[in-house]
Amino acid sequence: MTRDIDTTDGRKTSSLRAVTSGIDDAPGMVTVQDADLTDFVAYWQRMRRGPDVPHRSDIDPRGIEPLLASAFIAERIAPGLARMRIAGSHLTDLMGMEVRGMPLSAFITPAHRDALSHHLVRLFDQPAMLRLSLVSPDAPGLKGVMLILPLRSDLGDISRALGCLVTEGNVGRGPRRFDITDAQITPLEGAASMINPAVTAAPKIVPTTGNVNAAGAKDQGKRTGERSYLRLIKG
């Protein structure tokens, strides 16, 4: 089920509440991750420029420290398709392998990938915030929430996303993939009209088929100078 969240009143707090409802649907159940998810979205909201979305360069790992292991940065590589550029260690644990360079759809069961693709089109084109409720059919009791929040690239186009995938239950031996049991789309009113005057043309999109292997992603990271993983250095 997909739900559109009305944010026409322009209040960021309402959209924050819309995408950070608890993982457990039982009344009164509040987990540590609920608070962390709320803080995760609140940090992204603070990085916004009015109605616009943040730039990739605005995101500091220290701002999302509680969920750093579950966080990722994704890049749109074609309509409805995005791949991991940076990924926390929990995502590697879920898949049982390195996930950098893999499409986001690698975490979703084949029957639900078309739905994910549809949601990703809206996330980048509208733009919108996306919250997916997930359950793993192969691991009883394993469920999760994936938040995906749009970002602008250094060129100014909305082709990056900040996300996290938090889970509850025993992961066991990966790979673990998930069915989408619920999707909440929260449009960002006014963000689509915030055009960066420095952008004269949309970046070239190279269609990709199949999974992009981790080695290719590592090479891409070297070319762009982007860090290959999420790490917080204290001191």
Protein backbone atom coordinates (compact mmCIF):
# COMPACT_ATOMS: atom_id res chain seq x y z
CA MET A 1 0.00 0.00 0.00
CA THR A 2 1.29 3.44 -0.95
CA ARG A 3 0.22 6.52 0.97
CA ASP A 4 0.71 10.11 -0.10
CA ILE A 5 1.28 12.47 2.83
CA ASP A 6 -0.18 15.96 2.46
CA THR A 7 2.46 18.59 3.25
CA THR A 8 0.85 21.54 1.53
CA ASP A 9 0.93 23.49 4.79
CA GLY A 10 4.69 23.77 4.32
CA ARG A 11 5.54 22.72 7.86
CA LYS A 12 8.64 20.54 8.00
CA THR A 13 7.59 19.04 11.32
CA SER A 14 4.49 17.48 9.79
CA SER A 15 6.48 15.73 7.08
CA LEU A 16 9.00 14.58 9.66
CA ARG A 17 6.30 12.86 11.68
CA ALA A 18 4.84 11.34 8.54
CA VAL A 19 7.94 9.34 7.67
CA THR A 20 9.18 8.38 11.12
CA SER A 21 6.36 6.33 12.54
CA GLY A 22 7.53 3.31 14.55
CA ILE A 23 8.75 0.05 13.09
CA ASP A 24 6.39 -1.90 15.34
CA ASP A 25 2.73 -1.21 14.65
CA ALA A 26 1.60 -2.28 18.11
CA PRO A 27 0.10 0.65 20.08
CA GLY A 28 2.47 2.23 22.55
CA MET A 29 5.54 0.41 21.25
CA VAL A 30 8.53 2.74 21.05
CA THR A 31 12.02 1.50 20.26
CA VAL A 32 15.43 3.13 20.41
CA GLN A 33 15.42 3.13 16.61
CA ASP A 34 12.24 5.19 16.52
CA ALA A 35 14.05 8.10 18.15
CA ASP A 36 17.08 7.56 15.92
CA LEU A 37 14.93 7.62 12.79
CA THR A 38 13.30 10.85 13.92
CA ASP A 39 16.73 12.39 14.51
CA PHE A 40 17.92 11.11 11.12
CA VAL A 41 15.13 12.94 9.27
CA ALA A 42 15.46 16.00 11.51
CA TYR A 43 19.14 16.32 10.58
CA TRP A 44 18.28 16.15 6.87
CA GLN A 45 15.58 18.79 7.43
CA ARG A 46 18.10 21.12 9.12
CA MET A 47 20.35 20.89 6.07
CA ARG A 48 17.59 22.11 3.74
CA ARG A 49 17.62 25.55 2.17
CA GLY A 50 14.06 26.67 2.72
CA PRO A 51 11.81 24.42 0.62
CA ASP A 52 14.76 22.96 -1.27
CA VAL A 53 16.59 19.69 -0.57
CA PRO A 54 20.15 19.56 0.80
CA HIS A 55 23.24 19.05 -1.32
CA ARG A 56 25.28 15.88 -0.99
CA SER A 57 28.17 18.02 0.30
CA ASP A 58 25.97 19.29 3.16
CA ILE A 59 25.78 15.85 4.78
CA ASP A 60 28.25 15.24 7.62
CA PRO A 61 28.48 11.70 9.08
CA ARG A 62 28.52 13.23 12.56
CA GLY A 63 24.94 14.38 12.03
CA ILE A 64 23.68 10.81 11.65
CA GLU A 65 26.04 9.03 14.03
CA PRO A 66 23.41 6.83 15.81
CA LEU A 67 22.40 5.23 12.49
CA LEU A 68 25.75 5.42 10.73
CA ALA A 69 26.06 1.64 10.36
CA SER A 70 22.62 1.51 8.70
CA ALA A 71 23.05 4.59 6.50
CA PHE A 72 23.82 4.90 2.81
CA ILE A 73 24.28 7.40 0.01
CA ALA A 74 22.65 6.39 -3.27
CA GLU A 75 23.04 7.72 -6.80
CA ARG A 76 20.32 7.75 -9.43
CA ILE A 77 21.68 6.07 -12.54
CA ALA A 78 18.45 5.72 -14.54
CA PRO A 79 14.74 6.39 -13.96
CA GLY A 80 13.65 4.09 -11.15
CA LEU A 81 17.15 2.78 -10.54
CA ALA A 82 19.67 3.88 -7.92
CA ARG A 83 22.85 2.28 -6.66
CA MET A 84 24.79 2.42 -3.43
CA ARG A 85 27.78 4.73 -3.49
CA ILE A 86 28.44 4.57 0.25
CA ALA A 87 27.00 2.02 2.68
CA GLY A 88 27.24 1.27 6.39
CA SER A 89 28.31 -2.06 7.85
CA HIS A 90 24.79 -3.21 8.77
CA LEU A 91 23.83 -3.29 5.10
CA THR A 92 26.82 -5.52 4.40
CA ASP A 93 25.67 -7.81 7.22
CA LEU A 94 22.18 -8.05 5.73
CA MET A 95 23.47 -9.06 2.31
CA GLY A 96 26.38 -11.15 3.54
CA MET A 97 28.65 -9.34 1.08
CA GLU A 98 29.95 -5.91 0.08
CA VAL A 99 27.03 -3.78 -1.11
CA ARG A 100 28.75 -0.69 -2.51
CA GLY A 101 27.87 -0.47 -6.19
CA MET A 102 24.78 -2.65 -5.86
CA PRO A 103 21.34 -1.29 -6.79
CA LEU A 104 18.95 -0.52 -3.94
CA SER A 105 16.69 -3.18 -5.40
CA ALA A 106 19.18 -5.84 -4.23
CA PHE A 107 17.55 -5.53 -0.78
CA ILE A 108 14.05 -6.08 -2.19
CA THR A 109 12.48 -9.35 -3.33
CA PRO A 110 11.93 -9.60 -7.11
CA ALA A 111 8.14 -9.38 -6.79
CA HIS A 112 8.39 -5.95 -5.14
CA ARG A 113 11.12 -4.35 -7.26
CA ASP A 114 8.73 -2.72 -9.71
CA ALA A 115 7.05 -0.95 -6.79
CA LEU A 116 10.43 0.27 -5.53
CA SER A 117 11.29 1.55 -9.00
CA HIS A 118 8.02 3.50 -9.15
CA HIS A 119 8.68 5.05 -5.73
CA LEU A 120 12.23 6.04 -6.70
CA VAL A 121 10.97 7.86 -9.80
CA ARG A 122 8.72 9.97 -7.60
CA LEU A 123 11.43 10.52 -4.99
CA PHE A 124 13.83 12.08 -7.49
CA ASP A 125 11.40 13.70 -9.93
CA GLN A 126 8.82 15.21 -7.60
CA PRO A 127 10.91 15.28 -5.31
CA ALA A 128 9.61 13.43 -2.27
CA MET A 129 10.59 11.66 0.92
CA LEU A 130 10.11 7.89 0.95
CA ARG A 131 9.50 5.53 3.87
CA LEU A 132 9.18 1.80 3.22
CA SER A 133 7.98 -0.76 5.75
CA LEU A 134 9.69 -4.08 5.10
CA VAL A 135 9.46 -7.72 6.14
CA SER A 136 11.80 -10.55 5.17
CA PRO A 137 9.96 -13.64 3.88
CA ASP A 138 13.01 -15.86 4.51
CA ALA A 139 13.72 -14.81 8.10
CA PRO A 140 10.71 -15.02 10.43
CA GLY A 141 10.50 -12.00 12.70
CA LEU A 142 12.94 -9.90 10.66
CA LYS A 143 11.40 -6.60 9.64
CA GLY A 144 12.66 -3.12 8.95
CA VAL A 145 12.21 0.42 7.73
CA MET A 146 14.01 2.04 4.82
CA LEU A 147 14.06 5.83 4.70
CA ILE A 148 15.24 7.55 1.51
CA LEU A 149 15.62 11.34 1.39
CA PRO A 150 16.54 13.23 -1.81
CA LEU A 151 19.78 15.18 -2.21
CA ARG A 152 21.26 17.42 -4.87
CA SER A 153 24.59 16.52 -6.45
CA ASP A 154 27.43 19.00 -6.74
CA LEU A 155 25.97 19.92 -10.16
CA GLY A 156 22.67 20.86 -8.55
CA ASP A 157 20.47 18.11 -9.97
CA ILE A 158 18.47 15.88 -7.63
CA SER A 159 20.29 12.63 -8.33
CA ARG A 160 21.59 11.62 -4.90
CA ALA A 161 19.78 10.34 -1.82
CA LEU A 162 20.53 9.91 1.86
CA GLY A 163 18.99 6.79 3.30
CA CYS A 164 19.06 4.23 6.05
CA LEU A 165 17.81 0.67 6.48
CA VAL A 166 17.18 -0.29 10.09
CA THR A 167 15.95 -3.74 11.07
CA GLU A 168 14.58 -5.61 14.06
CA GLY A 169 14.93 -9.35 14.51
CA ASN A 170 17.60 -11.94 13.87
CA VAL A 171 19.44 -11.32 10.60
CA GLY A 172 21.03 -14.75 10.46
CA ARG A 173 22.89 -15.70 7.34
CA GLY A 174 22.54 -13.35 4.38
CA PRO A 175 21.52 -12.38 1.89
CA ARG A 176 18.30 -11.06 3.39
CA ARG A 177 15.79 -9.47 1.06
CA PHE A 178 12.52 -7.81 1.95
CA ASP A 179 8.93 -7.46 0.77
CA ILE A 180 7.47 -3.94 0.85
CA THR A 181 4.41 -4.01 3.10
CA ASP A 182 3.74 -0.26 3.11
CA ALA A 183 5.11 2.84 1.37
CA GLN A 184 4.69 6.46 2.41
CA ILE A 185 5.46 9.16 -0.15
CA THR A 186 5.82 12.68 1.26
CA PRO A 187 6.06 15.29 -1.55
CA LEU A 188 8.28 18.30 -0.88
CA GLU A 189 6.23 21.27 -1.94
CA GLY A 190 8.25 23.89 -3.80
CA ALA A 191 11.48 21.90 -4.02
CA ALA A 192 11.12 21.07 -7.72
CA SER A 193 11.09 24.77 -8.62
CA MET A 194 14.41 25.47 -6.88
CA ILE A 195 16.64 25.49 -9.95
CA ASN A 196 20.39 25.92 -9.56
CA PRO A 197 21.38 28.63 -12.07
CA ALA A 198 24.79 27.01 -12.45
CA VAL A 199 23.21 23.95 -14.03
CA THR A 200 22.97 24.33 -17.80
CA ALA A 201 22.25 20.74 -18.69
CA ALA A 202 21.22 17.55 -16.98
CA PRO A 203 24.04 15.08 -16.40
CA LYS A 204 24.28 12.23 -18.86
CA ILE A 205 22.62 9.09 -17.53
CA VAL A 206 24.15 5.80 -18.63
CA PRO A 207 21.59 2.99 -18.46
CA THR A 208 22.76 0.05 -16.38
CA THR A 209 21.51 -3.51 -16.51
CA GLY A 210 22.01 -6.03 -13.76
CA ASN A 211 24.02 -5.52 -10.60
CA VAL A 212 27.03 -3.25 -10.58
CA ASN A 213 29.81 -5.11 -8.84
CA ALA A 214 31.62 -3.76 -5.83
CA ALA A 215 34.92 -3.43 -7.66
CA GLY A 216 33.36 -1.12 -10.21
CA ALA A 217 31.88 1.01 -7.49
CA LYS A 218 35.25 1.22 -5.77
CA ASP A 219 36.84 2.49 -8.95
CA GLN A 220 34.03 5.01 -9.38
CA GLY A 221 34.64 6.27 -5.85
CA LYS A 222 38.29 6.84 -6.67
CA ARG A 223 37.42 8.85 -9.77
CA THR A 224 34.96 11.11 -8.02
CA GLY A 225 36.89 11.45 -4.79
CA GLU A 226 33.90 10.33 -2.73
CA ARG A 227 34.56 8.21 0.34
CA SER A 228 33.90 4.51 -0.14
CA TYR A 229 32.24 4.01 3.26
CA LEU A 230 30.62 5.83 6.13
CA ARG A 231 32.96 6.49 9.01
CA LEU A 232 32.97 8.96 11.88
CA ILE A 233 36.36 10.13 13.08
CA LYS A 234 36.35 11.60 16.57
CA GLY A 235 38.96 13.87 18.01
